Amino acid sequence: GRFNAAGKDVFYDQGGKGSGSSTSRWFGVSVLSQRIKLFPRVEVWEEVEWCFSMLSTVLDIFAREDALPAFKRIRSNRGSLNDARDSRTVLVQQLIGKLPTLVPTVFLVDDDGQDSRQRILDTVLFQRLFLCAEVVDRWLTDMLAHGGVPAKRAVDFLWRVSNSSIDDFTGGFGAANSGDWDRFYERREEVFMTVG
């Protein structure tokens, strides 16, 4: 463990690599508030990674559809051609609504050098999730305040938002128009405003 002499935090890293424990966890105790923060080490099965890949494929299909002229687009009865939100945005917002801890959970994946976390975070799905302000919540500040591995993963989230591109927003199918660029900058700014 590690104790901060200033009295701010006590950190424990139990069950390091090679411990064989699937219940290993990162603990941090805030001495000032006496609250316990628990950041579990997360393992990802191949089937879960496959599901993220399939959701990314769906986003690619939506991106191709959104790149078509308006009269060729297929929309549900609930949507309209004048809806300012593209299909990709609607899908990721619904996903965040159903699974609000998805992003922080994936950032806590500990795959012992298998790069599962990086592969998942590099998927089309997560590249688009990083541009949704709804994904930012208290988890980010809690992880930053915790220090250690959780803080590094929170910084990785901020780096990924900063380095997002117009293709992450539109899907890269067809040339981005001025409206796409405006919405991309607005979405990224919304994320930063929510953080700050």
N, C-alpha and C. Protein backbone atom coordinates (compact mmCIF):
# COMPACT_ATOMS: atom_id res chain seq x y z
N GLY A 1 0.83 -1.20 0.00
CA GLY A 1 0.00 0.00 0.00
C GLY A 1 0.86 1.25 0.00
N ARG A 2 0.20 2.42 -0.07
CA ARG A 2 0.92 3.68 -0.09
C ARG A 2 0.12 4.68 0.71
N PHE A 3 0.76 5.43 1.58
CA PHE A 3 0.09 6.47 2.33
C PHE A 3 0.67 7.81 1.95
N ASN A 4 -0.18 8.76 1.69
CA ASN A 4 0.23 10.12 1.38
C ASN A 4 0.41 10.85 2.70
N ALA A 5 1.64 11.30 2.98
CA ALA A 5 1.94 11.91 4.26
C ALA A 5 1.11 13.16 4.52
N ALA A 6 0.59 13.80 3.48
CA ALA A 6 -0.23 14.99 3.66
C ALA A 6 -1.61 14.63 4.21
N GLY A 7 -1.89 13.36 4.35
CA GLY A 7 -3.15 12.92 4.92
C GLY A 7 -4.30 12.87 3.95
N LYS A 8 -4.01 12.97 2.67
CA LYS A 8 -5.09 12.98 1.68
C LYS A 8 -5.61 11.60 1.35
N ASP A 9 -4.74 10.69 1.00
CA ASP A 9 -5.20 9.41 0.47
C ASP A 9 -4.36 8.25 0.96
N VAL A 10 -5.01 7.13 1.07
CA VAL A 10 -4.33 5.86 1.30
C VAL A 10 -4.69 4.97 0.14
N PHE A 11 -3.70 4.40 -0.52
CA PHE A 11 -3.96 3.55 -1.68
C PHE A 11 -3.48 2.14 -1.39
N TYR A 12 -4.24 1.19 -1.90
CA TYR A 12 -3.85 -0.20 -1.81
C TYR A 12 -3.93 -0.80 -3.19
N ASP A 13 -2.94 -1.56 -3.54
CA ASP A 13 -2.98 -2.28 -4.80
C ASP A 13 -2.83 -3.75 -4.44
N GLN A 14 -3.96 -4.44 -4.34
CA GLN A 14 -3.92 -5.83 -3.94
C GLN A 14 -4.01 -6.73 -5.15
N GLY A 15 -3.37 -7.86 -5.05
CA GLY A 15 -3.49 -8.86 -6.11
C GLY A 15 -2.87 -8.42 -7.40
N GLY A 16 -1.60 -8.01 -7.37
CA GLY A 16 -0.93 -7.57 -8.58
C GLY A 16 -0.81 -8.68 -9.61
N LYS A 17 -0.11 -8.41 -10.67
CA LYS A 17 0.04 -9.40 -11.75
C LYS A 17 0.59 -10.70 -11.19
N GLY A 18 0.00 -11.76 -11.68
CA GLY A 18 0.46 -13.07 -11.26
C GLY A 18 -0.19 -13.57 -9.99
N SER A 19 -1.08 -12.76 -9.40
CA SER A 19 -1.70 -13.21 -8.15
C SER A 19 -2.73 -14.30 -8.40
N GLY A 20 -3.26 -14.34 -9.62
CA GLY A 20 -4.25 -15.34 -9.96
C GLY A 20 -5.63 -15.05 -9.41
N SER A 21 -5.80 -13.93 -8.76
CA SER A 21 -7.09 -13.60 -8.17
C SER A 21 -7.92 -12.77 -9.12
N SER A 22 -9.13 -13.27 -9.45
CA SER A 22 -10.01 -12.50 -10.33
C SER A 22 -10.80 -11.47 -9.54
N THR A 23 -10.66 -11.49 -8.20
CA THR A 23 -11.37 -10.52 -7.38
C THR A 23 -10.45 -9.42 -6.89
N SER A 24 -9.27 -9.28 -7.49
CA SER A 24 -8.34 -8.23 -7.11
C SER A 24 -9.00 -6.87 -7.33
N ARG A 25 -8.68 -5.91 -6.46
CA ARG A 25 -9.31 -4.60 -6.57
C ARG A 25 -8.30 -3.50 -6.24
N TRP A 26 -8.59 -2.30 -6.80
CA TRP A 26 -7.85 -1.12 -6.40
C TRP A 26 -8.69 -0.41 -5.35
N PHE A 27 -8.10 -0.13 -4.20
CA PHE A 27 -8.82 0.55 -3.16
C PHE A 27 -8.19 1.91 -2.91
N GLY A 28 -8.99 2.88 -2.56
CA GLY A 28 -8.47 4.16 -2.12
C GLY A 28 -9.36 4.67 -1.01
N VAL A 29 -8.77 5.09 0.08
CA VAL A 29 -9.55 5.63 1.18
C VAL A 29 -9.22 7.10 1.31
N SER A 30 -10.23 7.95 1.19
CA SER A 30 -10.04 9.38 1.37
C SER A 30 -10.12 9.68 2.86
N VAL A 31 -8.98 10.03 3.45
CA VAL A 31 -8.92 10.27 4.88
C VAL A 31 -9.74 11.50 5.25
N LEU A 32 -9.74 12.51 4.39
CA LEU A 32 -10.46 13.74 4.69
C LEU A 32 -11.96 13.52 4.77
N SER A 33 -12.52 12.75 3.88
CA SER A 33 -13.97 12.56 3.85
C SER A 33 -14.39 11.22 4.43
N GLN A 34 -13.42 10.34 4.72
CA GLN A 34 -13.69 9.00 5.24
C GLN A 34 -14.58 8.18 4.30
N ARG A 35 -14.55 8.51 3.00
CA ARG A 35 -15.30 7.73 2.03
C ARG A 35 -14.37 6.69 1.40
N ILE A 36 -14.92 5.54 1.11
CA ILE A 36 -14.13 4.49 0.46
C ILE A 36 -14.49 4.45 -1.01
N LYS A 37 -13.49 4.53 -1.85
CA LYS A 37 -13.67 4.42 -3.29
C LYS A 37 -13.20 3.04 -3.71
N LEU A 38 -13.98 2.38 -4.50
CA LEU A 38 -13.63 1.03 -4.94
C LEU A 38 -13.58 1.00 -6.45
N PHE A 39 -12.43 0.69 -6.99
CA PHE A 39 -12.26 0.58 -8.44
C PHE A 39 -11.80 -0.84 -8.75
N PRO A 40 -12.73 -1.69 -9.14
CA PRO A 40 -12.37 -3.09 -9.39
C PRO A 40 -11.51 -3.25 -10.63
N ARG A 41 -10.65 -4.22 -10.57
CA ARG A 41 -9.94 -4.62 -11.79
C ARG A 41 -10.93 -5.42 -12.61
N VAL A 42 -11.03 -5.07 -13.86
CA VAL A 42 -12.05 -5.68 -14.73
C VAL A 42 -11.37 -6.59 -15.74
N GLU A 43 -11.96 -7.76 -15.92
CA GLU A 43 -11.49 -8.68 -16.95
C GLU A 43 -12.55 -8.73 -18.05
N VAL A 44 -12.12 -8.86 -19.28
CA VAL A 44 -13.05 -8.88 -20.41
C VAL A 44 -12.93 -10.22 -21.13
N TRP A 45 -14.08 -10.85 -21.33
CA TRP A 45 -14.11 -12.08 -22.11
C TRP A 45 -14.10 -11.74 -23.58
N GLU A 46 -13.67 -12.71 -24.39
CA GLU A 46 -13.64 -12.52 -25.84
C GLU A 46 -15.02 -12.21 -26.39
N GLU A 47 -16.05 -12.80 -25.79
CA GLU A 47 -17.42 -12.57 -26.25
C GLU A 47 -17.84 -11.11 -26.07
N VAL A 48 -17.37 -10.49 -24.99
CA VAL A 48 -17.69 -9.08 -24.74
C VAL A 48 -17.00 -8.21 -25.79
N GLU A 49 -15.76 -8.52 -26.06
CA GLU A 49 -15.03 -7.77 -27.09
C GLU A 49 -15.71 -7.92 -28.45
N TRP A 50 -16.21 -9.11 -28.73
CA TRP A 50 -16.94 -9.34 -29.98
C TRP A 50 -18.20 -8.48 -30.03
N CYS A 51 -18.91 -8.36 -28.91
CA CYS A 51 -20.13 -7.53 -28.86
C CYS A 51 -19.81 -6.07 -29.17
N PHE A 52 -18.71 -5.56 -28.63
CA PHE A 52 -18.31 -4.19 -28.94
C PHE A 52 -17.98 -4.04 -30.42
N SER A 53 -17.38 -5.07 -30.99
CA SER A 53 -17.08 -5.06 -32.41
C SER A 53 -18.36 -5.02 -33.24
N MET A 54 -19.37 -5.78 -32.82
CA MET A 54 -20.65 -5.78 -33.55
C MET A 54 -21.36 -4.43 -33.43
N LEU A 55 -21.33 -3.83 -32.24
CA LEU A 55 -21.93 -2.49 -32.07
C LEU A 55 -21.19 -1.46 -32.93
N SER A 56 -19.90 -1.63 -33.07
CA SER A 56 -19.12 -0.74 -33.95
C SER A 56 -19.55 -0.91 -35.40
N THR A 57 -19.83 -2.16 -35.79
CA THR A 57 -20.31 -2.42 -37.15
C THR A 57 -21.64 -1.72 -37.39
N VAL A 58 -22.53 -1.77 -36.40
CA VAL A 58 -23.81 -1.07 -36.52
C VAL A 58 -23.60 0.43 -36.69
N LEU A 59 -22.66 0.99 -35.93
CA LEU A 59 -22.36 2.42 -36.08
C LEU A 59 -21.83 2.73 -37.48
N ASP A 60 -21.02 1.83 -38.02
CA ASP A 60 -20.53 2.01 -39.39
C ASP A 60 -21.68 2.00 -40.39
N ILE A 61 -22.64 1.11 -40.19
CA ILE A 61 -23.81 1.06 -41.09
C ILE A 61 -24.59 2.36 -41.00
N PHE A 62 -24.78 2.86 -39.77
CA PHE A 62 -25.47 4.14 -39.60
C PHE A 62 -24.70 5.28 -40.26
N ALA A 63 -23.37 5.23 -40.17
CA ALA A 63 -22.55 6.29 -40.76
C ALA A 63 -22.71 6.30 -42.27
N ARG A 64 -22.71 5.11 -42.88
CA ARG A 64 -22.91 5.04 -44.33
C ARG A 64 -24.29 5.58 -44.71
N GLU A 65 -25.29 5.23 -43.91
CA GLU A 65 -26.65 5.71 -44.18
C GLU A 65 -26.73 7.23 -44.03
N ASP A 66 -26.11 7.77 -42.98
CA ASP A 66 -26.15 9.21 -42.77
C ASP A 66 -25.38 9.98 -43.84
N ALA A 67 -24.45 9.30 -44.52
CA ALA A 67 -23.70 9.96 -45.59
C ALA A 67 -24.50 10.04 -46.89
N LEU A 68 -25.60 9.29 -46.97
CA LEU A 68 -26.45 9.32 -48.16
C LEU A 68 -27.24 10.62 -48.23
N PRO A 69 -27.68 11.00 -49.42
CA PRO A 69 -28.60 12.14 -49.52
C PRO A 69 -29.85 11.86 -48.70
N ALA A 70 -30.46 12.91 -48.16
CA ALA A 70 -31.60 12.77 -47.24
C ALA A 70 -32.72 11.90 -47.81
N PHE A 71 -33.01 12.01 -49.11
CA PHE A 71 -34.14 11.26 -49.66
C PHE A 71 -33.87 9.77 -49.73
N LYS A 72 -32.61 9.34 -49.58
CA LYS A 72 -32.29 7.91 -49.64
C LYS A 72 -32.15 7.28 -48.25
N ARG A 73 -32.24 8.08 -47.22
CA ARG A 73 -32.04 7.55 -45.88
C ARG A 73 -33.24 6.78 -45.39
N ILE A 74 -32.95 5.74 -44.63
CA ILE A 74 -34.01 4.95 -44.00
C ILE A 74 -34.11 5.42 -42.56
N ARG A 75 -35.28 5.87 -42.16
CA ARG A 75 -35.49 6.35 -40.79
C ARG A 75 -36.64 5.61 -40.14
N SER A 76 -36.60 5.53 -38.83
CA SER A 76 -37.73 4.94 -38.12
C SER A 76 -38.87 5.95 -38.08
N ASN A 77 -40.05 5.49 -37.73
CA ASN A 77 -41.20 6.38 -37.64
C ASN A 77 -41.02 7.44 -36.57
N ARG A 78 -40.19 7.14 -35.58
CA ARG A 78 -40.00 8.10 -34.49
C ARG A 78 -39.07 9.24 -34.89
N GLY A 79 -38.23 9.04 -35.88
CA GLY A 79 -37.30 10.07 -36.28
C GLY A 79 -37.82 10.84 -37.48
N SER A 80 -37.17 11.93 -37.78
CA SER A 80 -37.54 12.69 -38.97
C SER A 80 -36.28 13.07 -39.72
N LEU A 81 -36.44 13.38 -40.99
CA LEU A 81 -35.28 13.76 -41.79
C LEU A 81 -34.68 15.06 -41.31
N ASN A 82 -35.46 15.85 -40.58
CA ASN A 82 -34.97 17.13 -40.09
C ASN A 82 -34.34 17.03 -38.71
N ASP A 83 -34.31 15.82 -38.15
CA ASP A 83 -33.72 15.62 -36.84
C ASP A 83 -32.24 15.98 -36.90
N ALA A 84 -31.80 16.90 -36.03
CA ALA A 84 -30.41 17.36 -36.07
C ALA A 84 -29.45 16.29 -35.57
N ARG A 85 -29.93 15.34 -34.78
CA ARG A 85 -29.08 14.29 -34.25
C ARG A 85 -28.97 13.18 -35.28
N ASP A 86 -27.76 12.76 -35.55
CA ASP A 86 -27.58 11.66 -36.50
C ASP A 86 -27.84 10.33 -35.80
N SER A 87 -27.98 9.28 -36.57
CA SER A 87 -28.30 7.95 -36.03
C SER A 87 -27.25 7.46 -35.05
N ARG A 88 -25.99 7.77 -35.32
CA ARG A 88 -24.91 7.34 -34.44
C ARG A 88 -25.04 7.97 -33.06
N THR A 89 -25.37 9.26 -33.04
CA THR A 89 -25.53 9.97 -31.77
C THR A 89 -26.67 9.36 -30.97
N VAL A 90 -27.78 9.10 -31.64
CA VAL A 90 -28.94 8.52 -30.96
C VAL A 90 -28.56 7.18 -30.34
N LEU A 91 -27.86 6.32 -31.09
CA LEU A 91 -27.48 5.00 -30.58
C LEU A 91 -26.57 5.11 -29.37
N VAL A 92 -25.54 5.93 -29.43
CA VAL A 92 -24.61 6.00 -28.30
C VAL A 92 -25.27 6.63 -27.08
N GLN A 93 -26.16 7.60 -27.28
CA GLN A 93 -26.86 8.18 -26.14
C GLN A 93 -27.77 7.16 -25.48
N GLN A 94 -28.42 6.32 -26.28
CA GLN A 94 -29.25 5.26 -25.71
C GLN A 94 -28.39 4.24 -24.96
N LEU A 95 -27.23 3.93 -25.50
CA LEU A 95 -26.32 2.99 -24.85
C LEU A 95 -25.86 3.54 -23.50
N ILE A 96 -25.49 4.82 -23.45
CA ILE A 96 -25.06 5.43 -22.20
C ILE A 96 -26.21 5.43 -21.19
N GLY A 97 -27.43 5.71 -21.69
CA GLY A 97 -28.59 5.69 -20.81
C GLY A 97 -28.82 4.33 -20.17
N LYS A 98 -28.60 3.26 -20.93
CA LYS A 98 -28.80 1.90 -20.43
C LYS A 98 -27.62 1.40 -19.60
N LEU A 99 -26.41 1.82 -19.98
CA LEU A 99 -25.19 1.34 -19.30
C LEU A 99 -24.32 2.53 -18.90
N PRO A 100 -24.72 3.30 -17.89
CA PRO A 100 -23.99 4.53 -17.55
C PRO A 100 -22.56 4.31 -17.07
N THR A 101 -22.22 3.11 -16.61
CA THR A 101 -20.86 2.85 -16.13
C THR A 101 -20.00 2.11 -17.16
N LEU A 102 -20.48 2.03 -18.39
CA LEU A 102 -19.75 1.28 -19.42
C LEU A 102 -18.35 1.84 -19.64
N VAL A 103 -18.23 3.14 -19.87
CA VAL A 103 -16.92 3.72 -20.20
C VAL A 103 -15.93 3.58 -19.05
N PRO A 104 -16.28 3.98 -17.80
CA PRO A 104 -15.29 3.80 -16.73
C PRO A 104 -14.94 2.33 -16.50
N THR A 105 -15.89 1.44 -16.68
CA THR A 105 -15.61 0.02 -16.51
C THR A 105 -14.58 -0.46 -17.51
N VAL A 106 -14.73 -0.06 -18.77
CA VAL A 106 -13.77 -0.48 -19.80
C VAL A 106 -12.40 0.14 -19.53
N PHE A 107 -12.36 1.38 -19.05
CA PHE A 107 -11.06 1.98 -18.73
C PHE A 107 -10.36 1.24 -17.60
N LEU A 108 -11.09 0.52 -16.75
CA LEU A 108 -10.50 -0.23 -15.66
C LEU A 108 -10.14 -1.66 -16.03
N VAL A 109 -10.30 -2.03 -17.30
CA VAL A 109 -9.94 -3.38 -17.73
C VAL A 109 -8.45 -3.59 -17.50
N ASP A 110 -8.13 -4.69 -16.84
CA ASP A 110 -6.74 -5.08 -16.58
C ASP A 110 -6.53 -6.42 -17.27
N ASP A 111 -5.85 -6.38 -18.40
CA ASP A 111 -5.75 -7.59 -19.23
C ASP A 111 -4.36 -8.20 -19.27
N ASP A 112 -3.52 -7.82 -18.32
CA ASP A 112 -2.18 -8.42 -18.21
C ASP A 112 -1.44 -8.50 -19.55
N GLY A 113 -1.39 -7.38 -20.25
CA GLY A 113 -0.60 -7.31 -21.47
C GLY A 113 -1.28 -7.83 -22.72
N GLN A 114 -2.55 -8.18 -22.66
CA GLN A 114 -3.24 -8.70 -23.83
C GLN A 114 -3.80 -7.60 -24.73
N ASP A 115 -3.74 -6.35 -24.30
CA ASP A 115 -4.21 -5.18 -25.06
C ASP A 115 -5.71 -5.19 -25.35
N SER A 116 -6.49 -5.92 -24.58
CA SER A 116 -7.94 -5.92 -24.79
C SER A 116 -8.51 -4.53 -24.59
N ARG A 117 -8.07 -3.86 -23.53
CA ARG A 117 -8.58 -2.52 -23.25
C ARG A 117 -8.31 -1.58 -24.42
N GLN A 118 -7.11 -1.60 -24.94
CA GLN A 118 -6.77 -0.71 -26.06
C GLN A 118 -7.59 -1.04 -27.30
N ARG A 119 -7.75 -2.33 -27.58
CA ARG A 119 -8.56 -2.71 -28.75
C ARG A 119 -9.99 -2.24 -28.61
N ILE A 120 -10.56 -2.39 -27.42
CA ILE A 120 -11.94 -1.95 -27.20
C ILE A 120 -12.04 -0.44 -27.31
N LEU A 121 -11.13 0.28 -26.68
CA LEU A 121 -11.18 1.75 -26.71
C LEU A 121 -10.93 2.31 -28.10
N ASP A 122 -10.26 1.55 -28.95
CA ASP A 122 -10.01 1.98 -30.33
C ASP A 122 -11.15 1.64 -31.28
N THR A 123 -12.19 0.95 -30.80
CA THR A 123 -13.30 0.61 -31.68
C THR A 123 -14.09 1.86 -32.07
N VAL A 124 -14.79 1.76 -33.17
CA VAL A 124 -15.64 2.86 -33.65
C VAL A 124 -16.63 3.27 -32.56
N LEU A 125 -17.18 2.29 -31.85
CA LEU A 125 -18.15 2.57 -30.80
C LEU A 125 -17.59 3.51 -29.75
N PHE A 126 -16.42 3.17 -29.21
CA PHE A 126 -15.86 3.99 -28.14
C PHE A 126 -15.34 5.32 -28.65
N GLN A 127 -14.82 5.35 -29.87
CA GLN A 127 -14.38 6.63 -30.43
C GLN A 127 -15.56 7.60 -30.48
N ARG A 128 -16.75 7.08 -30.78
CA ARG A 128 -17.94 7.93 -30.83
C ARG A 128 -18.46 8.24 -29.43
N LEU A 129 -18.34 7.29 -28.50
CA LEU A 129 -18.78 7.53 -27.12
C LEU A 129 -18.00 8.67 -26.47
N PHE A 130 -16.73 8.81 -26.85
CA PHE A 130 -15.91 9.86 -26.25
C PHE A 130 -16.40 11.26 -26.60
N LEU A 131 -17.26 11.35 -27.62
CA LEU A 131 -17.79 12.64 -28.05
C LEU A 131 -19.21 12.88 -27.53
N CYS A 132 -19.59 12.19 -26.48
CA CYS A 132 -20.91 12.38 -25.86
C CYS A 132 -20.72 12.89 -24.44
N ALA A 133 -21.24 14.08 -24.18
CA ALA A 133 -21.11 14.66 -22.84
C ALA A 133 -21.79 13.80 -21.78
N GLU A 134 -22.79 13.02 -22.19
CA GLU A 134 -23.52 12.18 -21.25
C GLU A 134 -22.63 11.11 -20.60
N VAL A 135 -21.50 10.81 -21.22
CA VAL A 135 -20.62 9.78 -20.69
C VAL A 135 -19.81 10.30 -19.49
N VAL A 136 -19.70 11.63 -19.38
CA VAL A 136 -18.91 12.22 -18.28
C VAL A 136 -19.79 12.30 -17.04
N ASP A 137 -19.26 11.78 -15.94
CA ASP A 137 -19.99 11.77 -14.68
C ASP A 137 -18.96 11.84 -13.56
N ARG A 138 -19.43 11.62 -12.36
CA ARG A 138 -18.55 11.71 -11.19
C ARG A 138 -17.41 10.70 -11.24
N TRP A 139 -17.58 9.61 -12.01
CA TRP A 139 -16.52 8.60 -12.09
C TRP A 139 -15.19 9.21 -12.50
N LEU A 140 -15.24 10.22 -13.39
CA LEU A 140 -14.00 10.80 -13.91
C LEU A 140 -13.23 11.52 -12.80
N THR A 141 -13.91 12.38 -12.04
CA THR A 141 -13.22 13.10 -10.96
C THR A 141 -12.82 12.15 -9.84
N ASP A 142 -13.64 11.13 -9.57
CA ASP A 142 -13.27 10.15 -8.54
C ASP A 142 -12.00 9.41 -8.93
N MET A 143 -11.91 9.02 -10.21
CA MET A 143 -10.71 8.30 -10.66
C MET A 143 -9.49 9.21 -10.65
N LEU A 144 -9.67 10.48 -11.06
CA LEU A 144 -8.55 11.42 -11.03
C LEU A 144 -8.07 11.65 -9.60
N ALA A 145 -9.00 11.80 -8.67
CA ALA A 145 -8.65 12.06 -7.28
C ALA A 145 -8.03 10.85 -6.60
N HIS A 146 -8.36 9.67 -7.10
CA HIS A 146 -7.88 8.44 -6.48
C HIS A 146 -6.37 8.29 -6.61
N GLY A 147 -5.82 8.69 -7.74
CA GLY A 147 -4.40 8.49 -8.00
C GLY A 147 -4.15 7.10 -8.55
N GLY A 148 -2.88 6.80 -8.77
CA GLY A 148 -2.50 5.47 -9.24
C GLY A 148 -3.08 5.12 -10.60
N VAL A 149 -3.38 3.85 -10.79
CA VAL A 149 -3.88 3.35 -12.07
C VAL A 149 -5.20 4.00 -12.47
N PRO A 150 -6.19 4.12 -11.57
CA PRO A 150 -7.44 4.76 -11.98
C PRO A 150 -7.23 6.19 -12.51
N ALA A 151 -6.34 6.96 -11.88
CA ALA A 151 -6.07 8.32 -12.35
C ALA A 151 -5.44 8.31 -13.74
N LYS A 152 -4.53 7.38 -13.97
CA LYS A 152 -3.91 7.28 -15.29
C LYS A 152 -4.94 6.95 -16.36
N ARG A 153 -5.91 6.10 -16.02
CA ARG A 153 -6.96 5.74 -16.97
C ARG A 153 -7.89 6.92 -17.24
N ALA A 154 -8.15 7.74 -16.22
CA ALA A 154 -8.98 8.94 -16.40
C ALA A 154 -8.27 9.93 -17.32
N VAL A 155 -6.96 10.07 -17.16
CA VAL A 155 -6.18 10.94 -18.03
C VAL A 155 -6.21 10.41 -19.46
N ASP A 156 -6.19 9.09 -19.62
CA ASP A 156 -6.29 8.48 -20.95
C ASP A 156 -7.62 8.86 -21.60
N PHE A 157 -8.71 8.87 -20.83
CA PHE A 157 -10.01 9.30 -21.36
C PHE A 157 -9.91 10.73 -21.89
N LEU A 158 -9.35 11.63 -21.09
CA LEU A 158 -9.24 13.04 -21.51
C LEU A 158 -8.36 13.17 -22.75
N TRP A 159 -7.29 12.40 -22.82
CA TRP A 159 -6.41 12.42 -23.99
C TRP A 159 -7.18 11.98 -25.23
N ARG A 160 -7.98 10.94 -25.09
CA ARG A 160 -8.73 10.42 -26.23
C ARG A 160 -9.78 11.43 -26.70
N VAL A 161 -10.43 12.13 -25.79
CA VAL A 161 -11.37 13.17 -26.19
C VAL A 161 -10.63 14.28 -26.94
N SER A 162 -9.49 14.70 -26.41
CA SER A 162 -8.71 15.77 -27.04
C SER A 162 -8.24 15.40 -28.43
N ASN A 163 -7.96 14.12 -28.64
CA ASN A 163 -7.43 13.67 -29.93
C ASN A 163 -8.49 13.08 -30.85
N SER A 164 -9.76 13.26 -30.51
CA SER A 164 -10.82 12.76 -31.38
C SER A 164 -10.84 13.55 -32.68
N SER A 165 -11.38 12.93 -33.71
CA SER A 165 -11.37 13.55 -35.04
C SER A 165 -12.78 13.61 -35.61
N ILE A 166 -12.91 14.34 -36.71
CA ILE A 166 -14.19 14.43 -37.40
C ILE A 166 -14.66 13.04 -37.85
N ASP A 167 -13.74 12.17 -38.22
CA ASP A 167 -14.11 10.81 -38.63
C ASP A 167 -14.69 10.01 -37.47
N ASP A 168 -14.21 10.27 -36.24
CA ASP A 168 -14.79 9.62 -35.07
C ASP A 168 -16.25 10.03 -34.90
N PHE A 169 -16.55 11.26 -35.29
CA PHE A 169 -17.91 11.78 -35.16
C PHE A 169 -18.82 11.30 -36.29
N THR A 170 -18.34 11.39 -37.52
CA THR A 170 -19.20 11.08 -38.68
C THR A 170 -19.09 9.63 -39.13
N GLY A 171 -18.00 8.97 -38.78
CA GLY A 171 -17.79 7.60 -39.25
C GLY A 171 -16.88 7.55 -40.46
N GLY A 172 -16.54 8.71 -41.03
CA GLY A 172 -15.60 8.76 -42.13
C GLY A 172 -16.15 8.37 -43.48
N PHE A 173 -17.47 8.20 -43.60
CA PHE A 173 -18.07 7.86 -44.88
C PHE A 173 -18.56 9.14 -45.54
N GLY A 174 -18.01 9.45 -46.69
CA GLY A 174 -18.37 10.69 -47.38
C GLY A 174 -17.60 11.86 -46.78
N ALA A 175 -17.55 12.94 -47.52
CA ALA A 175 -16.83 14.13 -47.06
C ALA A 175 -17.66 14.83 -45.99
N ALA A 176 -16.99 15.26 -44.93
CA ALA A 176 -17.68 16.00 -43.87
C ALA A 176 -18.02 17.39 -44.38
N ASN A 177 -19.26 17.81 -44.15
CA ASN A 177 -19.66 19.16 -44.56
C ASN A 177 -19.51 20.12 -43.38
N SER A 178 -19.80 21.39 -43.62
CA SER A 178 -19.60 22.40 -42.57
C SER A 178 -20.49 22.11 -41.36
N GLY A 179 -21.69 21.57 -41.58
CA GLY A 179 -22.57 21.22 -40.46
C GLY A 179 -21.98 20.11 -39.62
N ASP A 180 -21.33 19.12 -40.28
CA ASP A 180 -20.67 18.05 -39.54
C ASP A 180 -19.56 18.60 -38.66
N TRP A 181 -18.76 19.49 -39.23
CA TRP A 181 -17.66 20.09 -38.46
C TRP A 181 -18.19 20.88 -37.28
N ASP A 182 -19.25 21.65 -37.50
CA ASP A 182 -19.84 22.44 -36.41
C ASP A 182 -20.33 21.54 -35.29
N ARG A 183 -21.07 20.46 -35.65
CA ARG A 183 -21.58 19.55 -34.63
C ARG A 183 -20.45 18.81 -33.93
N PHE A 184 -19.40 18.45 -34.67
CA PHE A 184 -18.25 17.78 -34.06
C PHE A 184 -17.62 18.67 -32.99
N TYR A 185 -17.34 19.94 -33.35
CA TYR A 185 -16.73 20.85 -32.38
C TYR A 185 -17.66 21.12 -31.20
N GLU A 186 -18.97 21.22 -31.47
CA GLU A 186 -19.94 21.43 -30.39
C GLU A 186 -19.94 20.24 -29.43
N ARG A 187 -19.96 19.04 -29.98
CA ARG A 187 -19.98 17.84 -29.13
C ARG A 187 -18.72 17.74 -28.28
N ARG A 188 -17.57 17.98 -28.90
CA ARG A 188 -16.33 17.88 -28.13
C ARG A 188 -16.27 18.95 -27.06
N GLU A 189 -16.72 20.16 -27.39
CA GLU A 189 -16.75 21.25 -26.41
C GLU A 189 -17.70 20.91 -25.28
N GLU A 190 -18.84 20.29 -25.58
CA GLU A 190 -19.79 19.88 -24.54
C GLU A 190 -19.13 18.91 -23.55
N VAL A 191 -18.32 17.99 -24.07
CA VAL A 191 -17.63 17.04 -23.20
C VAL A 191 -16.69 17.79 -22.26
N PHE A 192 -15.89 18.73 -22.81
CA PHE A 192 -14.96 19.47 -21.99
C PHE A 192 -15.67 20.37 -20.98
N MET A 193 -16.78 20.96 -21.38
CA MET A 193 -17.55 21.81 -20.45
C MET A 193 -18.13 20.97 -19.32
N THR A 194 -18.54 19.75 -19.61
CA THR A 194 -19.07 18.86 -18.59
C THR A 194 -17.98 18.44 -17.63
N VAL A 195 -16.77 18.22 -18.16
CA VAL A 195 -15.63 17.85 -17.31
C VAL A 195 -15.27 19.00 -16.39
N GLY A 196 -15.22 20.22 -16.97
CA GLY A 196 -14.67 21.35 -16.26
C GLY A 196 -15.61 22.13 -15.45
